[in-house]
């Protein structure tokens, strides 16, 4: 039994040693083989690979895919006009030289990001300080990104990486300038609104005045037409009266007397002192009536 146990134990140890000499390299990784703490080989081809068992050789894997580094903080950058801008950026990078990368940064990608961020920020500072706010916001953003990428090319080689792309995500004023810009925009909008209100009020007064003028014209024309119609009616009535009175003069005289009485005794408070025998009361007396008593008469 002891002999069988020894054989099994030896077989297990042999298998463990054999498995420790094998490793698989993924196509998305670099495999770095260390021999007693020194880089012995960098494996770039994917597949099943062999090495010496630990502690003679060890394997460390590095991600060879494209990585993204965002601006860690928003620091203001002064333009050529001494205006303060805040720029958010990102860069795309990947490992190009695994040996150089490990010598400068170790195997932790965060070490590279901590060292690369100040370099990128300095490159942006150099590019932005040569340009105005108008250029940064409108015309030269692509040139700035190309300039930063060109400045990072040499630095990237010392880090063992390749800068694939540089992008500006946002360009904005710093907080104090943004507040002043917003206040200026607000005052400008208020000024435009007041101008529109003033223009609207002036147009309203103009329309109202034109409507009043048209109203006066319409009323005047209507009054003129009414007076014309009334005059024509009065003329026609006068013609009819003349024709009627011409046919019967006595009736005409009697009608005129009645009209005179109506006009004279219009109100109860009216007082008229006349001689009853005068011609004014002829219609009341009749054609053959006797004269009234010679005393003053008061008619109401």
C-alpha atoms as a PDB file:
ATOM      1  CA  UNK A   1       0.000   0.000   0.000  1.00  0.00           C
ATOM      2  CA  UNK A   2       2.810   2.380   0.871  1.00  0.00           C
ATOM      3  CA  UNK A   3       4.368   1.718  -2.491  1.00  0.00           C
ATOM      4  CA  UNK A   4       1.089   2.454  -4.323  1.00  0.00           C
ATOM      5  CA  UNK A   5       0.676   5.655  -2.321  1.00  0.00           C
ATOM      6  CA  UNK A   6       4.138   6.792  -3.235  1.00  0.00           C
ATOM      7  CA  UNK A   7       3.460   6.099  -6.909  1.00  0.00           C
ATOM      8  CA  UNK A   8       0.206   8.043  -6.828  1.00  0.00           C
ATOM      9  CA  UNK A   9       1.810  10.936  -4.969  1.00  0.00           C
ATOM     10  CA  UNK A  10       4.683  11.028  -7.439  1.00  0.00           C
ATOM     11  CA  UNK A  11       2.275  10.983 -10.358  1.00  0.00           C
ATOM     12  CA  UNK A  12       0.285  13.880  -8.860  1.00  0.00           C
ATOM     13  CA  UNK A  13       3.455  15.879  -8.276  1.00  0.00           C
ATOM     14  CA  UNK A  14       4.607  15.165 -11.830  1.00  0.00           C
ATOM     15  CA  UNK A  15       1.231  16.345 -13.172  1.00  0.00           C
ATOM     16  CA  UNK A  16       1.361  19.514 -11.079  1.00  0.00           C
ATOM     17  CA  UNK A  17       4.850  20.262 -12.341  1.00  0.00           C
ATOM     18  CA  UNK A  18       3.772  19.579 -15.909  1.00  0.00           C
ATOM     19  CA  UNK A  19       0.727  21.851 -15.586  1.00  0.00           C
ATOM     20  CA  UNK A  20       2.875  24.591 -14.072  1.00  0.00           C
ATOM     21  CA  UNK A  21       4.985  24.600 -17.228  1.00  0.00           C
ATOM     22  CA  UNK A  22       1.964  25.193 -19.462  1.00  0.00           C
ATOM     23  CA  UNK A  23       0.032  28.448 -19.906  1.00  0.00           C
ATOM     24  CA  UNK A  24      -2.396  29.837 -22.449  1.00  0.00           C
ATOM     25  CA  UNK A  25      -1.955  33.236 -24.068  1.00  0.00           C
ATOM     26  CA  UNK A  26      -5.209  34.947 -25.016  1.00  0.00           C
ATOM     27  CA  UNK A  27      -5.297  37.019 -28.192  1.00  0.00           C
ATOM     28  CA  UNK A  28      -6.239  40.067 -26.090  1.00  0.00           C
ATOM     29  CA  UNK A  29      -3.155  39.774 -23.871  1.00  0.00           C
ATOM     30  CA  UNK A  30       0.605  39.949 -23.723  1.00  0.00           C
ATOM     31  CA  UNK A  31       2.360  37.233 -21.699  1.00  0.00           C
ATOM     32  CA  UNK A  32       5.541  38.352 -19.959  1.00  0.00           C
ATOM     33  CA  UNK A  33       7.816  35.530 -18.707  1.00  0.00           C
ATOM     34  CA  UNK A  34       9.950  36.387 -15.700  1.00  0.00           C
ATOM     35  CA  UNK A  35      13.075  34.422 -14.824  1.00  0.00           C
ATOM     36  CA  UNK A  36      14.316  35.128 -11.310  1.00  0.00           C
ATOM     37  CA  UNK A  37      12.761  38.619 -11.329  1.00  0.00           C
ATOM     38  CA  UNK A  38      13.971  39.601 -14.787  1.00  0.00           C
ATOM     39  CA  UNK A  39      11.973  39.752 -18.025  1.00  0.00           C
ATOM     40  CA  UNK A  40      13.015  36.737 -20.024  1.00  0.00           C
ATOM     41  CA  UNK A  41      10.506  36.813 -22.867  1.00  0.00           C
ATOM     42  CA  UNK A  42       7.355  38.645 -24.067  1.00  0.00           C
ATOM     43  CA  UNK A  43       4.890  36.340 -25.825  1.00  0.00           C
ATOM     44  CA  UNK A  44       2.626  38.136 -28.304  1.00  0.00           C
ATOM     45  CA  UNK A  45       1.216  35.169 -30.239  1.00  0.00           C
ATOM     46  CA  UNK A  46      -1.870  33.491 -28.751  1.00  0.00           C
ATOM     47  CA  UNK A  47      -1.928  29.774 -28.003  1.00  0.00           C
ATOM     48  CA  UNK A  48      -0.571  27.136 -25.629  1.00  0.00           C
ATOM     49  CA  UNK A  49       2.949  28.005 -24.431  1.00  0.00           C
ATOM     50  CA  UNK A  50       5.630  26.370 -22.284  1.00  0.00           C
ATOM     51  CA  UNK A  51       7.918  27.682 -19.552  1.00  0.00           C
ATOM     52  CA  UNK A  52       9.960  26.405 -16.641  1.00  0.00           C
ATOM     53  CA  UNK A  53       8.059  25.653 -13.472  1.00  0.00           C
ATOM     54  CA  UNK A  54       8.064  28.171 -10.615  1.00  0.00           C
ATOM     55  CA  UNK A  55      10.124  29.569  -9.050  1.00  0.00           C
ATOM     56  CA  UNK A  56      12.404  29.437 -12.082  1.00  0.00           C
ATOM     57  CA  UNK A  57       9.940  31.226 -14.343  1.00  0.00           C
ATOM     58  CA  UNK A  58       6.673  33.083 -13.755  1.00  0.00           C
ATOM     59  CA  UNK A  59       4.113  34.576 -16.153  1.00  0.00           C
ATOM     60  CA  UNK A  60       2.383  37.984 -15.956  1.00  0.00           C
ATOM     61  CA  UNK A  61      -0.387  38.985 -18.389  1.00  0.00           C
ATOM     62  CA  UNK A  62      -0.963  42.495 -19.738  1.00  0.00           C
ATOM     63  CA  UNK A  63      -4.091  43.707 -21.528  1.00  0.00           C
ATOM     64  CA  UNK A  64      -3.223  44.650 -25.112  1.00  0.00           C
ATOM     65  CA  UNK A  65      -6.643  46.158 -25.934  1.00  0.00           C
ATOM     66  CA  UNK A  66      -7.272  49.881 -26.382  1.00  0.00           C
ATOM     67  CA  UNK A  67      -7.714  51.649 -23.044  1.00  0.00           C
ATOM     68  CA  UNK A  68      -9.477  54.931 -22.224  1.00  0.00           C
ATOM     69  CA  UNK A  69      -8.109  57.654 -19.970  1.00  0.00           C
ATOM     70  CA  UNK A  70     -10.518  60.445 -18.974  1.00  0.00           C
ATOM     71  CA  UNK A  71      -9.453  63.759 -17.524  1.00  0.00           C
ATOM     72  CA  UNK A  72      -9.324  63.111 -13.767  1.00  0.00           C
ATOM     73  CA  UNK A  73     -10.197  66.688 -12.771  1.00  0.00           C
ATOM     74  CA  UNK A  74     -11.292  69.915 -14.456  1.00  0.00           C
ATOM     75  CA  UNK A  75      -8.536  72.475 -14.083  1.00  0.00           C
ATOM     76  CA  UNK A  76      -8.976  75.922 -15.669  1.00  0.00           C
ATOM     77  CA  UNK A  77      -6.688  76.736 -18.616  1.00  0.00           C
ATOM     78  CA  UNK A  78      -5.998  80.313 -19.715  1.00  0.00           C
ATOM     79  CA  UNK A  79      -6.339  81.231 -23.375  1.00  0.00           C
ATOM     80  CA  UNK A  80      -4.342  83.811 -25.324  1.00  0.00           C
ATOM     81  CA  UNK A  81      -6.875  86.416 -24.108  1.00  0.00           C
ATOM     82  CA  UNK A  82      -6.284  85.402 -20.479  1.00  0.00           C
ATOM     83  CA  UNK A  83      -9.783  83.909 -20.316  1.00  0.00           C
ATOM     84  CA  UNK A  84     -10.244  80.847 -18.137  1.00  0.00           C
ATOM     85  CA  UNK A  85     -11.597  77.698 -19.825  1.00  0.00           C
ATOM     86  CA  UNK A  86     -12.377  74.262 -18.433  1.00  0.00           C
ATOM     87  CA  UNK A  87     -11.672  71.376 -20.837  1.00  0.00           C
ATOM     88  CA  UNK A  88     -12.769  67.772 -20.406  1.00  0.00           C
ATOM     89  CA  UNK A  89     -10.745  65.380 -22.541  1.00  0.00           C
ATOM     90  CA  UNK A  90     -10.084  61.695 -23.104  1.00  0.00           C
ATOM     91  CA  UNK A  91      -7.333  59.722 -24.802  1.00  0.00           C
ATOM     92  CA  UNK A  92      -7.310  56.229 -26.264  1.00  0.00           C
ATOM     93  CA  UNK A  93      -4.107  54.262 -25.775  1.00  0.00           C
ATOM     94  CA  UNK A  94      -2.726  50.724 -25.834  1.00  0.00           C
ATOM     95  CA  UNK A  95       0.465  48.947 -24.872  1.00  0.00           C
ATOM     96  CA  UNK A  96       2.952  48.768 -27.739  1.00  0.00           C
ATOM     97  CA  UNK A  97       6.126  47.693 -25.907  1.00  0.00           C
ATOM     98  CA  UNK A  98       5.457  45.420 -22.948  1.00  0.00           C
ATOM     99  CA  UNK A  99       9.085  45.489 -21.714  1.00  0.00           C
ATOM    100  CA  UNK A 100       9.202  49.291 -21.676  1.00  0.00           C
ATOM    101  CA  UNK A 101       5.776  49.477 -20.117  1.00  0.00           C
ATOM    102  CA  UNK A 102       6.750  47.201 -17.221  1.00  0.00           C
ATOM    103  CA  UNK A 103      10.085  48.991 -16.676  1.00  0.00           C
ATOM    104  CA  UNK A 104       8.350  52.383 -16.315  1.00  0.00           C
ATOM    105  CA  UNK A 105       4.972  51.509 -14.825  1.00  0.00           C
ATOM    106  CA  UNK A 106       5.014  47.967 -13.488  1.00  0.00           C
ATOM    107  CA  UNK A 107       2.103  45.725 -14.346  1.00  0.00           C
ATOM    108  CA  UNK A 108      -0.682  47.912 -12.924  1.00  0.00           C
ATOM    109  CA  UNK A 109      -2.418  50.106 -15.538  1.00  0.00           C
ATOM    110  CA  UNK A 110      -3.377  52.632 -12.873  1.00  0.00           C
ATOM    111  CA  UNK A 111       0.282  53.512 -12.390  1.00  0.00           C
ATOM    112  CA  UNK A 112       0.451  54.587 -16.039  1.00  0.00           C
ATOM    113  CA  UNK A 113      -2.779  56.586 -15.824  1.00  0.00           C
ATOM    114  CA  UNK A 114      -1.540  58.487 -12.781  1.00  0.00           C
ATOM    115  CA  UNK A 115       1.678  59.402 -14.605  1.00  0.00           C
ATOM    116  CA  UNK A 116       0.098  60.071 -18.007  1.00  0.00           C
ATOM    117  CA  UNK A 117      -2.677  62.435 -16.846  1.00  0.00           C
ATOM    118  CA  UNK A 118      -0.349  65.353 -15.946  1.00  0.00           C
ATOM    119  CA  UNK A 119       1.473  64.926 -19.272  1.00  0.00           C
ATOM    120  CA  UNK A 120      -1.788  65.158 -21.226  1.00  0.00           C
ATOM    121  CA  UNK A 121      -2.936  68.165 -19.182  1.00  0.00           C
ATOM    122  CA  UNK A 122       0.365  69.946 -19.861  1.00  0.00           C
ATOM    123  CA  UNK A 123       0.005  69.274 -23.603  1.00  0.00           C
ATOM    124  CA  UNK A 124      -3.477  70.787 -23.552  1.00  0.00           C
ATOM    125  CA  UNK A 125      -2.178  73.808 -21.646  1.00  0.00           C
ATOM    126  CA  UNK A 126       0.464  74.452 -24.317  1.00  0.00           C
ATOM    127  CA  UNK A 127      -2.066  74.193 -27.140  1.00  0.00           C
ATOM    128  CA  UNK A 128      -4.843  76.234 -25.530  1.00  0.00           C
ATOM    129  CA  UNK A 129      -2.650  79.144 -24.399  1.00  0.00           C
ATOM    130  CA  UNK A 130      -1.861  79.874 -28.083  1.00  0.00           C
ATOM    131  CA  UNK A 131      -5.503  80.275 -29.060  1.00  0.00           C
ATOM    132  CA  UNK A 132      -8.461  82.526 -28.329  1.00  0.00           C
ATOM    133  CA  UNK A 133     -11.810  81.550 -26.851  1.00  0.00           C
ATOM    134  CA  UNK A 134     -13.451  81.869 -30.273  1.00  0.00           C
ATOM    135  CA  UNK A 135     -10.924  79.489 -31.792  1.00  0.00           C
ATOM    136  CA  UNK A 136     -11.357  76.966 -28.995  1.00  0.00           C
ATOM    137  CA  UNK A 137     -15.136  77.024 -29.227  1.00  0.00           C
ATOM    138  CA  UNK A 138     -15.529  77.124 -32.999  1.00  0.00           C
ATOM    139  CA  UNK A 139     -12.602  76.721 -35.380  1.00  0.00           C
ATOM    140  CA  UNK A 140      -9.500  75.102 -33.839  1.00  0.00           C
ATOM    141  CA  UNK A 141     -10.750  72.183 -31.756  1.00  0.00           C
ATOM    142  CA  UNK A 142      -9.543  69.611 -34.284  1.00  0.00           C
ATOM    143  CA  UNK A 143      -6.154  71.318 -34.521  1.00  0.00           C
ATOM    144  CA  UNK A 144      -5.832  71.316 -30.739  1.00  0.00           C
ATOM    145  CA  UNK A 145      -6.526  67.570 -30.591  1.00  0.00           C
ATOM    146  CA  UNK A 146      -3.999  66.892 -33.352  1.00  0.00           C
ATOM    147  CA  UNK A 147      -1.426  69.073 -31.616  1.00  0.00           C
ATOM    148  CA  UNK A 148      -1.878  67.262 -28.288  1.00  0.00           C
ATOM    149  CA  UNK A 149      -1.588  63.903 -30.005  1.00  0.00           C
ATOM    150  CA  UNK A 150       1.631  65.006 -31.688  1.00  0.00           C
ATOM    151  CA  UNK A 151       3.087  66.199 -28.382  1.00  0.00           C
ATOM    152  CA  UNK A 152       2.216  62.889 -26.703  1.00  0.00           C
ATOM    153  CA  UNK A 153       3.838  60.748 -29.392  1.00  0.00           C
ATOM    154  CA  UNK A 154       7.369  60.948 -27.946  1.00  0.00           C
ATOM    155  CA  UNK A 155       6.186  60.755 -24.340  1.00  0.00           C
ATOM    156  CA  UNK A 156       4.119  57.684 -25.155  1.00  0.00           C
ATOM    157  CA  UNK A 157       7.189  55.794 -26.411  1.00  0.00           C
ATOM    158  CA  UNK A 158       8.932  56.281 -23.091  1.00  0.00           C
ATOM    159  CA  UNK A 159       5.894  54.785 -21.367  1.00  0.00           C
ATOM    160  CA  UNK A 160       5.800  51.833 -23.756  1.00  0.00           C
ATOM    161  CA  UNK A 161       2.377  52.764 -25.120  1.00  0.00           C
ATOM    162  CA  UNK A 162       0.825  54.131 -28.312  1.00  0.00           C
ATOM    163  CA  UNK A 163      -1.683  57.015 -28.252  1.00  0.00           C
ATOM    164  CA  UNK A 164      -4.479  56.014 -30.614  1.00  0.00           C
ATOM    165  CA  UNK A 165      -6.702  59.069 -30.340  1.00  0.00           C
ATOM    166  CA  UNK A 166      -7.223  62.326 -28.425  1.00  0.00           C
ATOM    167  CA  UNK A 167     -10.647  63.910 -28.018  1.00  0.00           C
ATOM    168  CA  UNK A 168     -12.103  67.005 -26.386  1.00  0.00           C
ATOM    169  CA  UNK A 169     -15.409  66.188 -24.727  1.00  0.00           C
ATOM    170  CA  UNK A 170     -16.367  69.639 -23.439  1.00  0.00           C
ATOM    171  CA  UNK A 171     -15.095  73.198 -23.518  1.00  0.00           C
ATOM    172  CA  UNK A 172     -16.701  75.580 -21.058  1.00  0.00           C
ATOM    173  CA  UNK A 173     -15.979  78.703 -19.078  1.00  0.00           C
ATOM    174  CA  UNK A 174     -15.048  78.455 -15.438  1.00  0.00           C
ATOM    175  CA  UNK A 175     -17.823  78.887 -12.886  1.00  0.00           C
ATOM    176  CA  UNK A 176     -17.394  82.627 -12.228  1.00  0.00           C
ATOM    177  CA  UNK A 177     -17.195  83.462 -15.947  1.00  0.00           C
ATOM    178  CA  UNK A 178     -20.164  81.195 -16.689  1.00  0.00           C
ATOM    179  CA  UNK A 179     -22.265  83.080 -14.144  1.00  0.00           C
ATOM    180  CA  UNK A 180     -21.346  86.439 -15.684  1.00  0.00           C
ATOM    181  CA  UNK A 181     -22.092  85.116 -19.180  1.00  0.00           C
ATOM    182  CA  UNK A 182     -25.484  83.840 -18.032  1.00  0.00           C
ATOM    183  CA  UNK A 183     -26.260  87.200 -16.404  1.00  0.00           C
ATOM    184  CA  UNK A 184     -25.270  89.030 -19.584  1.00  0.00           C
ATOM    185  CA  UNK A 185     -27.405  86.669 -21.672  1.00  0.00           C
ATOM    186  CA  UNK A 186     -30.318  87.196 -19.280  1.00  0.00           C
ATOM    187  CA  UNK A 187     -30.020  90.995 -19.481  1.00  0.00           C
ATOM    188  CA  UNK A 188     -29.792  90.782 -23.279  1.00  0.00           C
ATOM    189  CA  UNK A 189     -32.928  88.625 -23.434  1.00  0.00           C
ATOM    190  CA  UNK A 190     -34.724  91.077 -21.147  1.00  0.00           C
ATOM    191  CA  UNK A 191     -33.673  93.972 -23.377  1.00  0.00           C
ATOM    192  CA  UNK A 192     -34.988  92.173 -26.462  1.00  0.00           C
ATOM    193  CA  UNK A 193     -38.222  91.333 -24.621  1.00  0.00           C
ATOM    194  CA  UNK A 194     -38.679  94.982 -23.603  1.00  0.00           C
ATOM    195  CA  UNK A 195     -38.076  96.095 -27.184  1.00  0.00           C
ATOM    196  CA  UNK A 196     -40.671  93.614 -28.411  1.00  0.00           C
ATOM    197  CA  UNK A 197     -43.149  94.809 -25.772  1.00  0.00           C
ATOM    198  CA  UNK A 198     -42.529  98.441 -26.754  1.00  0.00           C
ATOM    199  CA  UNK A 199     -42.947  97.611 -30.423  1.00  0.00           C
ATOM    200  CA  UNK A 200     -46.135  95.705 -29.641  1.00  0.00           C
ATOM    201  CA  UNK A 201     -47.510  98.605 -27.580  1.00  0.00           C
ATOM    202  CA  UNK A 202     -46.718 101.050 -30.394  1.00  0.00           C
ATOM    203  CA  UNK A 203     -48.397  98.782 -32.933  1.00  0.00           C
ATOM    204  CA  UNK A 204     -51.368  98.418 -30.592  1.00  0.00           C
ATOM    205  CA  UNK A 205     -51.736 102.205 -30.284  1.00  0.00           C
ATOM    206  CA  UNK A 206     -51.398 102.555 -34.031  1.00  0.00           C
ATOM    207  CA  UNK A 207     -54.077  99.943 -34.692  1.00  0.00           C
ATOM    208  CA  UNK A 208     -56.338 101.483 -32.035  1.00  0.00           C
ATOM    209  CA  UNK A 209     -55.902 104.972 -33.487  1.00  0.00           C
ATOM    210  CA  UNK A 210     -56.597 103.693 -36.984  1.00  0.00           C
ATOM    211  CA  UNK A 211     -59.715 101.887 -35.721  1.00  0.00           C
ATOM    212  CA  UNK A 212     -60.918 105.080 -33.971  1.00  0.00           C
ATOM    213  CA  UNK A 213     -60.308 107.088 -37.135  1.00  0.00           C
ATOM    214  CA  UNK A 214     -62.218 104.578 -39.229  1.00  0.00           C
ATOM    215  CA  UNK A 215     -65.019 104.646 -36.637  1.00  0.00           C
ATOM    216  CA  UNK A 216     -65.252 108.442 -36.850  1.00  0.00           C
ATOM    217  CA  UNK A 217     -65.231 108.301 -40.641  1.00  0.00           C
ATOM    218  CA  UNK A 218     -67.948 105.641 -40.696  1.00  0.00           C
ATOM    219  CA  UNK A 219     -70.100 107.604 -38.218  1.00  0.00           C
ATOM    220  CA  UNK A 220     -69.609 110.832 -40.185  1.00  0.00           C
ATOM    221  CA  UNK A 221     -70.477 109.149 -43.456  1.00  0.00           C
ATOM    222  CA  UNK A 222     -73.525 107.509 -41.857  1.00  0.00           C
ATOM    223  CA  UNK A 223     -74.656 110.863 -40.413  1.00  0.00           C
ATOM    224  CA  UNK A 224     -74.164 112.503 -43.797  1.00  0.00           C
ATOM    225  CA  UNK A 225     -76.191 109.807 -45.518  1.00  0.00           C
ATOM    226  CA  UNK A 226     -78.874 110.044 -42.813  1.00  0.00           C
ATOM    227  CA  UNK A 227     -79.099 113.829 -43.178  1.00  0.00           C
ATOM    228  CA  UNK A 228     -79.289 113.430 -46.917  1.00  0.00           C
ATOM    229  CA  UNK A 229     -82.111 110.905 -46.614  1.00  0.00           C
ATOM    230  CA  UNK A 230     -83.814 113.080 -44.000  1.00  0.00           C
ATOM    231  CA  UNK A 231     -83.518 116.139 -46.251  1.00  0.00           C
ATOM    232  CA  UNK A 232     -84.938 114.235 -49.152  1.00  0.00           C
ATOM    233  CA  UNK A 233     -87.774 113.050 -46.913  1.00  0.00           C
ATOM    234  CA  UNK A 234     -88.447 116.559 -45.618  1.00  0.00           C
ATOM    235  CA  UNK A 235     -88.443 117.885 -49.167  1.00  0.00           C
ATOM    236  CA  UNK A 236     -90.829 115.169 -50.214  1.00  0.00           C
ATOM    237  CA  UNK A 237     -93.043 115.871 -47.199  1.00  0.00           C
ATOM    238  CA  UNK A 238     -93.021 119.595 -47.935  1.00  0.00           C
ATOM    239  CA  UNK A 239     -94.037 118.855 -51.520  1.00  0.00           C
ATOM    240  CA  UNK A 240     -96.856 116.632 -50.332  1.00  0.00           C
ATOM    241  CA  UNK A 241     -97.975 119.244 -47.779  1.00  0.00           C
ATOM    242  CA  UNK A 242     -97.913 121.966 -50.443  1.00  0.00           C
ATOM    243  CA  UNK A 243     -99.948 119.861 -52.824  1.00  0.00           C
ATOM    244  CA  UNK A 244    -102.449 118.955 -50.086  1.00  0.00           C
ATOM    245  CA  UNK A 245    -102.707 122.510 -48.767  1.00  0.00           C
ATOM    246  CA  UNK A 246    -103.168 123.827 -52.297  1.00  0.00           C
ATOM    247  CA  UNK A 247    -106.217 121.650 -52.771  1.00  0.00           C
ATOM    248  CA  UNK A 248    -107.925 122.903 -49.554  1.00  0.00           C
ATOM    249  CA  UNK A 249    -106.608 126.286 -48.246  1.00  0.00           C
ATOM    250  CA  UNK A 250    -108.988 126.324 -45.266  1.00  0.00           C
ATOM    251  CA  UNK A 251    -107.783 122.938 -44.077  1.00  0.00           C
ATOM    252  CA  UNK A 252    -104.225 124.109 -44.507  1.00  0.00           C
ATOM    253  CA  UNK A 253    -104.887 127.157 -42.324  1.00  0.00           C
ATOM    254  CA  UNK A 254    -106.629 124.977 -39.745  1.00  0.00           C
ATOM    255  CA  UNK A 255    -103.681 122.503 -39.695  1.00  0.00           C
ATOM    256  CA  UNK A 256    -101.160 125.287 -39.255  1.00  0.00           C
ATOM    257  CA  UNK A 257    -103.218 126.672 -36.360  1.00  0.00           C
ATOM    258  CA  UNK A 258    -103.189 123.266 -34.672  1.00  0.00           C
ATOM    259  CA  UNK A 259     -99.421 123.048 -35.115  1.00  0.00           C
ATOM    260  CA  UNK A 260     -99.087 126.488 -33.581  1.00  0.00           C
ATOM    261  CA  UNK A 261    -101.229 125.461 -30.611  1.00  0.00           C
ATOM    262  CA  UNK A 262     -99.130 122.286 -30.167  1.00  0.00           C
ATOM    263  CA  UNK A 263     -95.931 124.263 -30.133  1.00  0.00           C
ATOM    264  CA  UNK A 264     -97.329 126.968 -27.802  1.00  0.00           C
ATOM    265  CA  UNK A 265     -98.913 124.691 -25.215  1.00  0.00           C
ATOM    266  CA  UNK A 266     -96.273 121.949 -25.130  1.00  0.00           C
ATOM    267  CA  UNK A 267     -95.849 121.884 -21.314  1.00  0.00           C
ATOM    268  CA  UNK A 268     -98.278 122.415 -18.431  1.00  0.00           C
ATOM    269  CA  UNK A 269     -96.079 125.100 -16.976  1.00  0.00           C
ATOM    270  CA  UNK A 270     -96.205 127.243 -20.112  1.00  0.00           C
ATOM    271  CA  UNK A 271     -98.128 130.556 -19.718  1.00  0.00           C
ATOM    272  CA  UNK A 272     -99.417 132.674 -22.633  1.00  0.00           C
ATOM    273  CA  UNK A 273    -101.263 136.000 -22.195  1.00  0.00           C
ATOM    274  CA  UNK A 274    -103.210 137.059 -25.300  1.00  0.00           C
ATOM    275  CA  UNK A 275    -106.439 138.778 -26.290  1.00  0.00           C
ATOM    276  CA  UNK A 276    -109.051 136.028 -26.859  1.00  0.00           C
ATOM    277  CA  UNK A 277    -110.373 137.924 -29.845  1.00  0.00           C
ATOM    278  CA  UNK A 278    -107.062 137.766 -31.643  1.00  0.00           C
ATOM    279  CA  UNK A 279    -106.555 135.739 -34.825  1.00  0.00           C
ATOM    280  CA  UNK A 280    -104.469 133.231 -32.882  1.00  0.00           C
ATOM    281  CA  UNK A 281    -107.633 131.666 -31.441  1.00  0.00           C
ATOM    282  CA  UNK A 282    -109.633 131.799 -34.637  1.00  0.00           C
ATOM    283  CA  UNK A 283    -109.421 128.049 -35.157  1.00  0.00           C
ATOM    284  CA  UNK A 284    -110.747 127.467 -31.647  1.00  0.00           C
ATOM    285  CA  UNK A 285    -113.647 129.818 -32.133  1.00  0.00           C
ATOM    286  CA  UNK A 286    -114.583 128.348 -35.503  1.00  0.00           C
ATOM    287  CA  UNK A 287    -115.333 130.301 -38.671  1.00  0.00           C
ATOM    288  CA  UNK A 288    -118.520 131.919 -37.307  1.00  0.00           C
ATOM    289  CA  UNK A 289    -117.844 131.938 -33.574  1.00  0.00           C
ATOM    290  CA  UNK A 290    -118.397 135.022 -31.402  1.00  0.00           C
ATOM    291  CA  UNK A 291    -115.607 136.881 -29.760  1.00  0.00           C
ATOM    292  CA  UNK A 292    -114.794 135.911 -26.220  1.00  0.00           C
ATOM    293  CA  UNK A 293    -115.152 138.237 -23.247  1.00  0.00           C
ATOM    294  CA  UNK A 294    -112.637 141.074 -23.284  1.00  0.00           C
ATOM    295  CA  UNK A 295    -110.620 139.822 -20.364  1.00  0.00           C
ATOM    296  CA  UNK A 296    -107.057 138.446 -20.226  1.00  0.00           C
ATOM    297  CA  UNK A 297    -106.892 134.714 -20.660  1.00  0.00           C
ATOM    298  CA  UNK A 298    -104.271 132.383 -19.260  1.00  0.00           C
ATOM    299  CA  UNK A 299    -103.834 129.068 -21.085  1.00  0.00           C
ATOM    300  CA  UNK A 300    -101.938 126.203 -19.772  1.00  0.00           C
END
